[in-house]
Protein backbone atom coordinates (compact mmCIF):
# COMPACT_ATOMS: atom_id res chain seq x y z
CA MET A 1 2.50 22.79 0.03
CA THR A 2 2.33 21.52 3.57
CA THR A 3 4.47 22.76 6.39
CA THR A 4 4.54 19.35 8.11
CA LEU A 5 7.72 17.54 8.94
CA ARG A 6 8.89 15.01 6.37
CA SER A 7 10.26 11.70 7.59
CA GLY A 8 14.01 11.39 8.11
CA ALA A 9 16.70 9.11 6.76
CA PRO A 10 16.81 5.43 7.69
CA LEU A 11 18.36 4.68 11.06
CA SER A 12 19.14 1.35 12.69
CA LEU A 13 17.08 0.49 15.73
CA PRO A 14 18.90 0.75 19.06
CA SER A 15 19.31 -2.46 21.03
CA THR A 16 16.36 -3.65 23.08
CA GLU A 17 18.27 -2.82 26.28
CA THR A 18 18.40 0.88 25.44
CA HIS A 19 15.39 1.50 23.23
CA PRO A 20 12.82 3.78 24.91
CA LEU A 21 10.01 1.44 23.86
CA SER A 22 11.53 -1.61 25.54
CA GLY A 23 8.92 -3.07 27.90
CA ARG A 24 6.11 -0.91 26.48
CA THR A 25 2.88 -2.29 24.95
CA VAL A 26 1.50 -0.83 21.74
CA LEU A 27 -1.84 -1.93 20.30
CA GLN A 28 -2.67 -1.45 16.62
CA ILE A 29 -6.28 -1.84 15.54
CA ILE A 30 -7.37 -2.62 11.96
CA PRO A 31 -10.43 -4.41 10.49
CA ASP A 32 -8.52 -7.43 9.15
CA LEU A 33 -5.11 -8.61 8.03
CA GLU A 34 -5.99 -9.95 4.59
CA ALA A 35 -3.97 -7.85 2.12
CA GLY A 36 -3.19 -4.23 1.33
CA GLY A 37 -0.89 -1.41 2.31
CA ALA A 38 -2.43 -0.67 5.71
CA GLU A 39 -2.42 -4.34 6.65
CA ARG A 40 1.16 -4.88 5.51
CA THR A 41 2.25 -1.76 7.42
CA ALA A 42 0.63 -3.07 10.61
CA VAL A 43 2.70 -6.25 10.37
CA ASP A 44 5.89 -4.31 9.59
CA ILE A 45 5.43 -2.01 12.58
CA ALA A 46 4.66 -4.96 14.84
CA GLU A 47 7.97 -6.51 13.79
CA GLY A 48 9.79 -3.24 14.47
CA LEU A 49 8.21 -2.97 17.91
CA THR A 50 9.24 -6.53 18.75
CA GLU A 51 12.82 -5.82 17.70
CA ALA A 52 12.77 -2.76 19.98
CA GLY A 53 11.75 -4.94 22.93
CA ALA A 54 8.12 -3.80 23.02
CA ARG A 55 4.94 -5.92 23.01
CA ALA A 56 3.16 -5.55 19.67
CA LEU A 57 -0.57 -6.26 19.87
CA VAL A 58 -2.86 -6.17 16.83
CA ALA A 59 -6.62 -6.18 17.43
CA THR A 60 -8.28 -7.45 14.27
CA GLU A 61 -10.74 -10.01 12.96
CA GLY A 62 -7.97 -12.10 11.35
CA GLY A 63 -6.75 -12.76 7.82
CA ARG A 64 -3.99 -14.33 5.78
CA LEU A 65 -1.29 -12.10 7.31
CA VAL A 66 -1.96 -13.25 10.89
CA ALA A 67 0.52 -16.14 10.58
CA GLU A 68 3.23 -13.74 9.40
CA LEU A 69 2.39 -11.31 12.21
CA GLN A 70 2.84 -14.04 14.79
CA ALA A 71 6.01 -15.35 13.18
CA LYS A 72 7.51 -11.86 13.50
CA GLY A 73 6.69 -11.57 17.19
CA GLY A 74 3.37 -9.75 17.00
CA ILE A 75 0.39 -10.84 19.10
CA TRP A 76 -3.01 -11.29 17.46
CA LEU A 77 -5.97 -10.25 19.59
CA PRO A 78 -9.18 -11.47 17.89
CA PHE A 79 -11.48 -8.45 17.87
CA PRO A 80 -14.58 -7.47 15.79
CA ALA A 81 -12.79 -4.40 14.42
CA ALA A 82 -14.49 -4.43 11.01
CA SER A 83 -17.98 -3.70 12.35
CA LYS A 84 -19.57 -0.44 11.21
CA ASN A 85 -22.83 -1.02 13.06
CA PRO A 86 -23.25 1.88 15.54
CA LEU A 87 -24.53 -0.36 18.34
CA ALA A 88 -21.72 -2.88 17.81
CA MET A 89 -19.18 -0.05 17.72
CA ALA A 90 -20.49 1.30 21.04
CA MET A 91 -20.06 -2.16 22.55
CA ASN A 92 -16.59 -2.36 21.01
CA VAL A 93 -15.55 0.77 22.92
CA ARG A 94 -16.08 -1.06 26.20
CA LYS A 95 -14.43 -4.22 24.85
CA LEU A 96 -11.36 -2.32 23.67
CA ALA A 97 -11.06 -0.34 26.91
CA ARG A 98 -11.24 -3.58 28.88
CA LEU A 99 -8.62 -5.15 26.60
CA CYS A 100 -6.31 -2.17 27.03
CA ARG A 101 -6.56 -2.40 30.82
CA GLN A 102 -6.00 -6.17 30.85
CA GLU A 103 -2.98 -5.97 28.56
CA HIS A 104 -1.54 -2.80 30.17
CA VAL A 105 -1.53 -1.00 26.81
CA ASP A 106 0.53 2.19 26.70
CA LEU A 107 -0.55 3.52 23.27
CA VAL A 108 -3.16 2.73 20.60
CA HIS A 109 -2.66 3.16 16.85
CA ALA A 110 -5.72 2.99 14.54
CA ARG A 111 -5.44 2.28 10.81
CA SER A 112 -9.07 2.40 9.61
CA ARG A 113 -12.09 4.58 10.22
CA ALA A 114 -14.63 2.38 12.04
CA PRO A 115 -12.12 0.97 14.54
CA ALA A 116 -10.60 4.45 14.87
CA TRP A 117 -13.89 5.80 16.26
CA VAL A 118 -13.90 2.92 18.74
CA ALA A 119 -10.26 3.54 19.66
CA LEU A 120 -10.78 7.29 20.01
CA ALA A 121 -13.51 6.81 22.59
CA ALA A 122 -11.59 4.10 24.47
CA THR A 123 -8.31 6.01 24.61
CA ARG A 124 -9.97 9.22 25.73
CA ALA A 125 -11.69 7.34 28.56
CA LEU A 126 -8.40 5.72 29.60
CA LYS A 127 -6.27 8.82 28.88
CA LEU A 128 -3.97 6.85 26.57
CA PRO A 129 -1.98 8.32 23.65
CA PHE A 130 -3.78 7.80 20.34
CA VAL A 131 -2.18 7.66 16.87
CA THR A 132 -3.93 7.43 13.52
CA THR A 133 -2.57 6.75 10.06
CA TYR A 134 -4.42 8.31 7.14
CA HIS A 135 -3.93 5.48 4.64
CA GLY A 136 -6.38 6.42 1.87
CA SER A 137 -7.94 9.30 -0.02
CA TYR A 138 -11.43 8.44 1.35
CA ASN A 139 -14.63 9.55 -0.34
CA SER A 140 -15.56 12.91 1.18
CA ARG A 141 -18.49 14.04 -0.99
CA SER A 142 -20.89 14.91 1.84
CA VAL A 143 -20.74 16.59 5.24
CA VAL A 144 -21.67 13.33 6.95
CA LYS A 145 -18.98 11.36 5.10
CA ASN A 146 -16.36 14.02 5.80
CA HIS A 147 -17.20 13.88 9.50
CA TYR A 148 -16.90 10.07 9.45
CA ASN A 149 -13.50 10.35 7.77
CA SER A 150 -12.37 13.04 10.22
CA VAL A 151 -11.61 10.47 12.91
CA MET A 152 -8.42 9.65 11.00
CA ALA A 153 -7.28 13.23 11.71
CA ARG A 154 -8.13 13.12 15.42
CA GLY A 155 -5.06 11.29 16.70
CA ASP A 156 -2.60 12.96 19.05
CA VAL A 157 -0.31 12.44 16.07
CA VAL A 158 -1.77 11.96 12.57
CA ILE A 159 0.55 10.01 10.28
CA ALA A 160 0.17 10.79 6.57
CA ASN A 161 1.68 8.19 4.25
CA SER A 162 2.69 10.78 1.62
CA ALA A 163 2.91 14.53 1.09
CA TYR A 164 -0.22 14.23 -1.09
CA THR A 165 -2.10 12.70 1.85
CA ALA A 166 -0.83 15.42 4.21
CA ASP A 167 -2.17 18.10 1.87
CA LEU A 168 -5.48 16.23 1.68
CA ILE A 169 -5.77 16.17 5.46
CA LEU A 170 -5.05 19.89 5.69
CA ALA A 171 -7.67 20.67 3.04
CA ARG A 172 -10.38 18.59 4.74
CA HIS A 173 -9.46 18.72 8.44
CA SER A 174 -7.46 21.87 9.09
CA PHE A 175 -7.81 21.39 12.86
CA ALA A 176 -5.10 18.69 12.58
CA ARG A 177 -2.50 21.03 11.06
CA ASP A 178 -0.05 20.91 13.97
CA ARG A 179 -0.32 17.15 14.52
CA ILE A 180 0.51 15.79 11.04
CA ARG A 181 3.68 13.80 10.50
CA ILE A 182 4.61 12.46 7.05
CA VAL A 183 5.92 8.90 7.18
CA ASN A 184 6.21 7.42 3.71
CA ARG A 185 5.19 3.81 3.24
CA GLY A 186 8.31 1.63 3.42
CA THR A 187 9.35 -1.34 1.30
CA ASP A 188 11.48 -4.28 2.37
CA PHE A 189 14.32 -4.05 -0.14
CA SER A 190 15.79 -7.36 1.00
CA ALA A 191 12.64 -9.17 -0.21
CA PHE A 192 11.99 -6.89 -3.18
CA ALA A 193 15.35 -7.42 -4.84
CA PRO A 194 15.94 -9.27 -8.12
CA ALA A 195 18.78 -11.31 -6.63
CA ALA A 196 16.49 -12.56 -3.85
CA VAL A 197 14.08 -14.28 -6.26
CA GLY A 198 15.08 -17.64 -7.67
CA PRO A 199 14.11 -18.54 -11.26
CA GLU A 200 11.96 -21.43 -10.04
CA ARG A 201 9.59 -18.99 -8.32
CA VAL A 202 9.15 -17.02 -11.54
CA SER A 203 8.64 -20.15 -13.62
CA ALA A 204 6.05 -21.47 -11.17
CA LEU A 205 3.99 -18.29 -11.48
CA ARG A 206 4.16 -18.25 -15.27
CA ARG A 207 2.91 -21.85 -15.35
CA ALA A 208 0.15 -21.10 -12.86
CA TRP A 209 -0.95 -18.13 -14.96
CA GLY A 210 -0.92 -20.14 -18.20
CA VAL A 211 1.52 -17.76 -19.89
CA GLU A 212 3.30 -19.07 -23.00
CA PRO A 213 7.13 -19.09 -22.95
CA HIS A 214 7.35 -16.44 -25.67
CA GLN A 215 4.85 -14.03 -24.07
CA ARG A 216 5.85 -10.90 -22.17
CA ILE A 217 3.69 -9.97 -19.21
CA VAL A 218 2.01 -6.69 -18.29
CA LEU A 219 1.02 -7.09 -14.64
CA LEU A 220 -1.67 -5.13 -12.80
CA PRO A 221 -1.51 -6.06 -9.09
CA GLY A 222 -4.44 -4.86 -7.00
CA ARG A 223 -7.82 -5.84 -5.68
CA LEU A 224 -10.55 -6.02 -8.29
CA THR A 225 -12.36 -2.73 -7.88
CA GLY A 226 -13.27 -0.12 -10.48
CA TRP A 227 -10.85 2.61 -9.44
CA LYS A 228 -7.81 0.32 -9.78
CA GLY A 229 -8.20 0.64 -13.56
CA GLN A 230 -8.58 -2.94 -14.76
CA LYS A 231 -11.03 -1.83 -17.45
CA VAL A 232 -8.58 0.77 -18.71
CA LEU A 233 -5.88 -1.89 -19.05
CA ILE A 234 -8.22 -4.27 -20.89
CA GLU A 235 -9.02 -1.53 -23.41
CA ALA A 236 -5.29 -0.78 -23.78
CA ALA A 237 -4.73 -4.50 -24.44
CA ARG A 238 -7.32 -4.37 -27.22
CA LEU A 239 -5.68 -1.32 -28.78
CA MET A 240 -2.26 -2.99 -28.66
CA ARG A 241 -3.65 -6.17 -30.23
CA ASP A 242 -5.29 -4.19 -33.00
CA ALA A 243 -1.98 -2.38 -33.61
CA GLY A 244 -0.22 -5.72 -34.17
CA ASP A 245 1.03 -6.76 -30.73
CA GLU A 246 0.86 -10.55 -30.55
CA ASP A 247 3.27 -11.43 -27.74
CA THR A 248 1.94 -9.71 -24.63
CA ALA A 249 -0.14 -11.29 -21.86
CA PHE A 250 -2.05 -9.08 -19.42
CA ILE A 251 -2.36 -10.41 -15.87
CA LEU A 252 -4.89 -9.03 -13.37
CA ALA A 253 -3.65 -10.22 -9.97
CA GLY A 254 -5.97 -9.49 -7.06
CA ASP A 255 -8.95 -10.59 -4.99
CA PRO A 256 -12.50 -9.58 -6.00
CA GLN A 257 -13.35 -9.19 -2.27
CA GLY A 258 -16.98 -9.97 -2.97
CA ARG A 259 -17.37 -7.65 -5.98
CA ASP A 260 -18.94 -10.34 -8.16
CA GLY A 261 -20.75 -7.81 -10.34
CA TYR A 262 -17.51 -6.06 -11.22
CA VAL A 263 -15.84 -9.39 -11.98
CA ARG A 264 -18.64 -10.20 -14.44
CA GLU A 265 -18.15 -6.81 -16.09
CA LEU A 266 -14.44 -7.50 -16.53
CA ASP A 267 -15.08 -10.94 -17.98
CA GLU A 268 -17.68 -9.53 -20.37
CA GLN A 269 -15.29 -6.80 -21.52
CA ILE A 270 -12.54 -9.38 -22.11
CA ALA A 271 -14.86 -11.66 -24.05
CA LYS A 272 -16.35 -8.86 -26.15
CA ALA A 273 -12.86 -7.75 -27.19
CA GLY A 274 -11.80 -11.32 -27.98
CA LEU A 275 -8.97 -11.18 -25.44
CA GLU A 276 -9.61 -14.40 -23.53
CA ARG A 277 -6.18 -15.81 -24.47
CA ARG A 278 -4.35 -12.58 -23.64
CA VAL A 279 -6.02 -11.13 -20.51
CA ARG A 280 -6.31 -13.33 -17.41
CA ARG A 281 -7.66 -12.91 -13.90
CA VAL A 282 -5.42 -14.95 -11.58
CA GLY A 283 -6.70 -14.05 -8.11
CA HIS A 284 -4.55 -13.13 -5.14
CA CYS A 285 -0.80 -13.54 -5.56
CA SER A 286 1.17 -14.21 -2.37
CA ASP A 287 4.60 -13.94 -4.03
CA MET A 288 4.69 -10.39 -5.33
CA PRO A 289 8.50 -10.15 -5.75
CA ALA A 290 8.39 -13.14 -8.12
CA ALA A 291 5.28 -11.78 -9.86
CA MET A 292 7.03 -8.50 -10.59
CA LEU A 293 10.19 -10.22 -11.78
CA ALA A 294 8.02 -12.30 -14.12
CA ALA A 295 6.58 -9.10 -15.59
CA ALA A 296 8.01 -7.05 -18.42
CA ILE A 297 6.00 -4.06 -17.12
CA VAL A 298 3.90 -3.30 -14.06
CA ALA A 299 0.84 -1.13 -14.73
CA VAL A 300 -0.96 0.97 -12.10
CA PRO A 301 -3.70 2.70 -14.15
CA SER A 302 -5.76 3.95 -11.19
CA THR A 303 -8.68 6.23 -12.01
CA GLU A 304 -8.80 7.75 -8.50
CA PRO A 305 -5.87 9.12 -6.47
CA GLU A 306 -3.53 6.68 -4.76
CA ALA A 307 -2.69 7.93 -1.28
CA PHE A 308 0.77 6.44 -1.66
CA GLY A 309 1.38 3.86 -4.40
CA ARG A 310 3.10 0.86 -2.81
CA VAL A 311 2.98 -1.29 -5.96
CA ALA A 312 4.89 1.29 -8.01
CA VAL A 313 7.65 1.45 -5.40
CA GLU A 314 7.92 -2.35 -5.19
CA ALA A 315 8.11 -2.66 -8.97
CA GLN A 316 10.88 -0.07 -9.17
CA ALA A 317 12.76 -1.95 -6.44
CA MET A 318 12.58 -5.05 -8.65
CA GLY A 319 13.90 -3.09 -11.64
CA VAL A 320 10.65 -3.47 -13.60
CA PRO A 321 9.40 -0.53 -15.73
CA VAL A 322 6.19 0.98 -14.34
CA VAL A 323 3.37 2.83 -16.08
CA VAL A 324 1.14 4.70 -13.65
CA SER A 325 -1.69 7.23 -13.62
CA ASP A 326 -0.47 10.77 -12.96
CA LEU A 327 -2.55 11.65 -9.92
CA GLY A 328 -2.45 11.41 -6.15
CA ALA A 329 0.92 10.54 -4.62
CA VAL A 330 2.31 9.04 -7.83
CA PRO A 331 4.56 12.06 -8.64
CA GLU A 332 6.32 11.36 -5.32
CA THR A 333 7.08 7.73 -6.18
CA VAL A 334 7.66 7.64 -9.96
CA LEU A 335 9.89 10.18 -11.71
CA ALA A 336 8.90 11.08 -15.27
CA PRO A 337 8.87 14.04 -17.70
CA PRO A 338 8.19 16.93 -17.36
CA GLN A 339 9.22 16.63 -13.69
CA VAL A 340 12.58 15.22 -14.79
CA ALA A 341 14.45 14.86 -18.08
CA PRO A 342 13.62 11.75 -20.15
CA SER A 343 17.07 10.39 -19.33
CA GLU A 344 16.24 10.56 -15.60
CA ARG A 345 12.83 8.89 -15.68
CA THR A 346 12.10 5.89 -13.44
CA GLY A 347 8.78 5.12 -15.14
CA TRP A 348 5.91 6.52 -17.21
CA ARG A 349 3.01 8.66 -16.01
CA ILE A 350 -0.19 8.89 -18.07
CA PRO A 351 -3.51 10.73 -17.67
CA PRO A 352 -5.98 8.65 -15.62
CA GLY A 353 -8.58 6.72 -17.61
CA ASP A 354 -6.74 7.28 -20.91
CA ALA A 355 -6.47 3.84 -22.54
CA PRO A 356 -4.70 5.10 -25.72
CA ALA A 357 -2.06 6.86 -23.59
CA LEU A 358 -1.65 3.71 -21.50
CA ALA A 359 -1.23 1.58 -24.63
CA ALA A 360 1.35 4.00 -26.04
CA ALA A 361 3.36 4.04 -22.81
CA LEU A 362 3.28 0.25 -22.54
CA GLN A 363 4.49 -0.07 -26.12
CA GLU A 364 7.30 2.43 -25.49
CA ALA A 365 8.41 0.55 -22.38
CA LEU A 366 8.25 -2.81 -24.15
CA ALA A 367 10.41 -1.40 -26.96
CA LEU A 368 13.29 -0.44 -24.63
CA ARG A 369 16.66 -1.82 -25.68
CA PRO A 370 18.36 -4.00 -23.01
CA SER A 371 20.91 -1.30 -22.16
CA ALA A 372 18.18 1.34 -21.73
CA ARG A 373 16.08 -1.02 -19.62
CA ASP A 374 19.06 -1.80 -17.38
CA ALA A 375 19.80 1.90 -16.90
CA LEU A 376 16.14 2.56 -16.04
CA ALA A 377 16.19 -0.29 -13.52
CA ARG A 378 19.28 1.11 -11.79
CA ARG A 379 17.79 4.61 -11.55
CA ALA A 380 14.49 3.30 -10.26
CA ARG A 381 16.04 1.09 -7.59
CA LEU A 382 18.27 3.93 -6.37
CA HIS A 383 15.32 6.34 -6.28
CA VAL A 384 13.13 4.14 -4.10
CA GLU A 385 16.01 3.06 -1.84
CA ARG A 386 16.70 6.72 -1.06
CA HIS A 387 13.14 7.64 -0.17
CA PHE A 388 10.94 4.64 0.67
CA SER A 389 12.85 2.17 2.83
CA LEU A 390 11.19 -0.04 5.41
CA ALA A 391 13.79 0.97 8.01
CA ALA A 392 12.90 4.65 7.63
CA MET A 393 9.18 3.97 7.98
CA VAL A 394 9.62 1.81 11.07
CA ASN A 395 12.03 4.20 12.78
CA ASP A 396 9.90 7.26 12.04
CA THR A 397 6.78 5.53 13.37
CA LEU A 398 8.55 4.36 16.52
CA ASP A 399 9.83 7.91 16.97
CA VAL A 400 6.19 9.06 17.03
CA TYR A 401 5.41 6.51 19.73
CA CYS A 402 8.47 7.53 21.77
CA ALA A 403 7.57 11.21 21.61
CA LEU A 404 4.01 10.58 22.83
CA LEU A 405 5.03 8.20 25.59
CA GLY A 406 7.84 10.47 26.68
CA ARG A 407 5.34 13.28 27.01
């Protein structure tokens, strides 16, 4: 177990007249703002900074979340932050340092490895406070790779998005022991609330996905990459079909992000199993609250550790049963036996890569009586509200900034 400080309870932000960050300028740097937990967090923190009276700059190449960032008061600074070319990164150090001077930046927060190396060099040259957030598990199978990853543990404060991530940092980069702060990923429970989603939004998604009125949906939200477990779900769909299930549609919602070979493998697996009418790839979904409310179950069958597990939290907030792989930070977000009694579960946890176990859990969840499903939904919503609120994440992150700037 770690000895790091766990994030506190949600607090309301002070008024802009009294907040210590009022008038300050904070720059976040991230490769792009397309989709994902790190990208969403960058936008959320920018909004929190703006509400505190600070200037919230985000240096990034762009992406679909830029419009939302700007609508919430954040300022987009076009910057080639995704480059991993050593020469380009060296040039980016000078560009970022110049940008920080021009914009009178008080603190820099990096959310990805390549731009973190750039930011580390720039902030050290300018003597600015530097924060990193360790968002992922990161492949660390060689000395060179571990050194590359280590930049995410070199901030003046290193934010871990879960206790699992904090333990991972300690195991790989023990030099950061005294600088780790756990700040759980936060969810906007005003958006992820069943009452906030009108039936027309759900109906529109079902039509767009080609789902029949009688079909129940098992939803797997996530980019199309092998470790997200799409192949495991397809095999579970085959097993359920062979066992007599005729009324379930399986929706894979996520971008391929250029992984055309993997997409072909998925399509071939679907065709070989004869599941073309039951398993569908629908691309990126911009209305995740409605997607989850359309689903009978949300599946997160990851085959590698999730550093946090945002999708599982969002599904529980929507009152939708979740079935997740039992690894990484999942035990922190989804309660299930043997950790708790069956009557206290908020979802199902299964061994990673185990399609028969996934099929069995999906069938058990689909068989819930309405009263049992309602009770599960209430427990799940209460669980995530207590531990994973957006307000807590924003306040804890802004507390980190205040402490460094106060120093």
